Amino acid sequence: MESDLLEGLFEPAADVITKDVDNVMMVVNAHDGNCYELNETGRLVWKALANGEAAGSTVGALAAGGVAEDRVRADVAGLVGELVKAKLLRRRGCRVSA
């Protein structure tokens, strides 16, 4: 499951609005009105996904800060899983009709 979340391609859901503010990313699900704040790490992962990269592409840069790579991989996979669960991300190319 972890490798699927790190290597899969995801994109912001159609009804998601983002605003980059300093080193955080505000993410709003316009469908349900829920608002989320991603810290600098989450922002980096979100931007990579929005640019068509796999989340795993961020692991090296994040691990360079001194955190063990296994820990970073688990944390990034967990973040992607939570963003999918919150319906902020979807698999690239998947279209869901309401």
C-alpha atoms as a PDB file:
ATOM      1  CA  MET A   1       0.000   0.000   0.000  1.00  0.00           C
ATOM      2  CA  GLU A   2       2.794   2.436   0.894  1.00  0.00           C
ATOM      3  CA  SER A   3       4.534   1.989  -2.464  1.00  0.00           C
ATOM      4  CA  ASP A   4       1.217   2.497  -4.277  1.00  0.00           C
ATOM      5  CA  LEU A   5       0.759   5.849  -2.523  1.00  0.00           C
ATOM      6  CA  LEU A   6       4.368   6.888  -3.157  1.00  0.00           C
ATOM      7  CA  GLU A   7       4.626   5.738  -6.772  1.00  0.00           C
ATOM      8  CA  GLY A   8       1.060   6.345  -7.975  1.00  0.00           C
ATOM      9  CA  LEU A   9       0.096   9.534  -9.739  1.00  0.00           C
ATOM     10  CA  PHE A  10      -2.475  11.705  -8.004  1.00  0.00           C
ATOM     11  CA  GLU A  11      -4.002  15.084  -8.742  1.00  0.00           C
ATOM     12  CA  PRO A  12      -6.120  17.596  -6.842  1.00  0.00           C
ATOM     13  CA  ALA A  13      -9.811  16.743  -6.956  1.00  0.00           C
ATOM     14  CA  ALA A  14     -11.934  18.925  -9.235  1.00  0.00           C
ATOM     15  CA  ASP A  15     -13.647  20.789  -6.397  1.00  0.00           C
ATOM     16  CA  VAL A  16     -10.472  21.699  -4.501  1.00  0.00           C
ATOM     17  CA  ILE A  17      -9.191  25.255  -4.191  1.00  0.00           C
ATOM     18  CA  THR A  18      -5.649  25.987  -3.000  1.00  0.00           C
ATOM     19  CA  LYS A  19      -3.900  29.105  -1.805  1.00  0.00           C
ATOM     20  CA  ASP A  20      -0.160  29.237  -1.196  1.00  0.00           C
ATOM     21  CA  VAL A  21       0.544  31.459   1.825  1.00  0.00           C
ATOM     22  CA  ASP A  22       4.183  31.840   2.861  1.00  0.00           C
ATOM     23  CA  ASN A  23       5.355  28.287   3.649  1.00  0.00           C
ATOM     24  CA  VAL A  24       1.914  26.725   4.060  1.00  0.00           C
ATOM     25  CA  MET A  25      -0.751  25.606   1.603  1.00  0.00           C
ATOM     26  CA  MET A  26      -4.400  26.253   2.355  1.00  0.00           C
ATOM     27  CA  VAL A  27      -6.578  23.582   0.749  1.00  0.00           C
ATOM     28  CA  VAL A  28     -10.354  23.953   0.624  1.00  0.00           C
ATOM     29  CA  ASN A  29     -12.782  21.269  -0.466  1.00  0.00           C
ATOM     30  CA  ALA A  30     -15.418  23.475  -2.112  1.00  0.00           C
ATOM     31  CA  HIS A  31     -17.875  20.559  -2.144  1.00  0.00           C
ATOM     32  CA  ASP A  32     -18.110  20.205   1.649  1.00  0.00           C
ATOM     33  CA  GLY A  33     -16.485  23.479   2.793  1.00  0.00           C
ATOM     34  CA  ASN A  34     -13.738  21.813   4.838  1.00  0.00           C
ATOM     35  CA  CYS A  35     -10.464  23.728   4.982  1.00  0.00           C
ATOM     36  CA  TYR A  36      -7.029  22.202   5.602  1.00  0.00           C
ATOM     37  CA  GLU A  37      -3.622  23.723   6.242  1.00  0.00           C
ATOM     38  CA  LEU A  38      -0.575  21.862   4.949  1.00  0.00           C
ATOM     39  CA  ASN A  39       2.750  22.690   6.565  1.00  0.00           C
ATOM     40  CA  GLU A  40       5.896  23.238   4.519  1.00  0.00           C
ATOM     41  CA  THR A  41       6.417  19.488   4.068  1.00  0.00           C
ATOM     42  CA  GLY A  42       2.810  18.903   3.039  1.00  0.00           C
ATOM     43  CA  ARG A  43       3.055  21.871   0.692  1.00  0.00           C
ATOM     44  CA  LEU A  44       6.095  20.341  -1.018  1.00  0.00           C
ATOM     45  CA  VAL A  45       4.285  17.021  -1.488  1.00  0.00           C
ATOM     46  CA  TRP A  46       1.100  18.733  -2.747  1.00  0.00           C
ATOM     47  CA  LYS A  47       3.034  20.795  -5.308  1.00  0.00           C
ATOM     48  CA  ALA A  48       4.860  17.706  -6.590  1.00  0.00           C
ATOM     49  CA  LEU A  49       1.568  15.860  -7.055  1.00  0.00           C
ATOM     50  CA  ALA A  50      -0.094  18.859  -8.717  1.00  0.00           C
ATOM     51  CA  ASN A  51       2.865  19.023 -11.141  1.00  0.00           C
ATOM     52  CA  GLY A  52       2.385  15.400 -12.203  1.00  0.00           C
ATOM     53  CA  GLU A  53       5.138  13.879 -10.070  1.00  0.00           C
ATOM     54  CA  ALA A  54       4.785  10.888  -7.778  1.00  0.00           C
ATOM     55  CA  ALA A  55       4.849  11.683  -4.058  1.00  0.00           C
ATOM     56  CA  GLY A  56       7.927   9.490  -3.710  1.00  0.00           C
ATOM     57  CA  SER A  57       9.896  12.053  -5.701  1.00  0.00           C
ATOM     58  CA  THR A  58       9.898  14.270  -2.600  1.00  0.00           C
ATOM     59  CA  VAL A  59      11.403  11.689  -0.238  1.00  0.00           C
ATOM     60  CA  GLY A  60      15.053  12.445  -1.029  1.00  0.00           C
ATOM     61  CA  ALA A  61      14.707  16.186  -0.483  1.00  0.00           C
ATOM     62  CA  LEU A  62      12.761  15.698   2.743  1.00  0.00           C
ATOM     63  CA  ALA A  63      15.186  13.080   4.077  1.00  0.00           C
ATOM     64  CA  ALA A  64      18.088  15.451   3.383  1.00  0.00           C
ATOM     65  CA  GLY A  65      16.909  17.374   6.443  1.00  0.00           C
ATOM     66  CA  GLY A  66      18.269  14.588   8.642  1.00  0.00           C
ATOM     67  CA  VAL A  67      15.179  12.401   9.074  1.00  0.00           C
ATOM     68  CA  ALA A  68      15.557   8.699   8.264  1.00  0.00           C
ATOM     69  CA  GLU A  69      14.365   7.933   4.737  1.00  0.00           C
ATOM     70  CA  ASP A  70      12.113   5.076   5.924  1.00  0.00           C
ATOM     71  CA  ARG A  71      10.356   7.479   8.281  1.00  0.00           C
ATOM     72  CA  VAL A  72       9.943  10.075   5.525  1.00  0.00           C
ATOM     73  CA  ARG A  73       8.530   7.447   3.145  1.00  0.00           C
ATOM     74  CA  ALA A  74       5.981   6.346   5.746  1.00  0.00           C
ATOM     75  CA  ASP A  75       5.010   9.939   6.581  1.00  0.00           C
ATOM     76  CA  VAL A  76       4.610  10.962   2.926  1.00  0.00           C
ATOM     77  CA  ALA A  77       2.542   7.850   2.152  1.00  0.00           C
ATOM     78  CA  GLY A  78       0.405   8.586   5.216  1.00  0.00           C
ATOM     79  CA  LEU A  79      -0.155  12.168   4.078  1.00  0.00           C
ATOM     80  CA  VAL A  80      -1.199  11.084   0.576  1.00  0.00           C
ATOM     81  CA  GLY A  81      -3.557   8.505   2.070  1.00  0.00           C
ATOM     82  CA  GLU A  82      -5.158  11.141   4.318  1.00  0.00           C
ATOM     83  CA  LEU A  83      -5.535  13.588   1.405  1.00  0.00           C
ATOM     84  CA  VAL A  84      -7.241  10.900  -0.679  1.00  0.00           C
ATOM     85  CA  LYS A  85      -9.494   9.955   2.244  1.00  0.00           C
ATOM     86  CA  ALA A  86     -10.472  13.636   2.656  1.00  0.00           C
ATOM     87  CA  LYS A  87     -11.306  13.689  -1.092  1.00  0.00           C
ATOM     88  CA  LEU A  88      -8.715  16.371  -1.765  1.00  0.00           C
ATOM     89  CA  LEU A  89      -6.699  14.127  -4.105  1.00  0.00           C
ATOM     90  CA  ARG A  90      -7.728  11.519  -6.635  1.00  0.00           C
ATOM     91  CA  ARG A  91      -5.787   9.179  -8.876  1.00  0.00           C
ATOM     92  CA  ARG A  92      -4.629  11.003 -11.971  1.00  0.00           C
ATOM     93  CA  GLY A  93      -6.997  10.364 -14.839  1.00  0.00           C
ATOM     94  CA  CYS A  94      -9.923   9.206 -12.659  1.00  0.00           C
ATOM     95  CA  ARG A  95     -13.042  11.239 -13.218  1.00  0.00           C
ATOM     96  CA  VAL A  96     -15.818  10.972 -10.693  1.00  0.00           C
ATOM     97  CA  SER A  97     -19.286  12.166 -11.569  1.00  0.00           C
ATOM     98  CA  ALA A  98     -21.402  13.584  -8.775  1.00  0.00           C
END
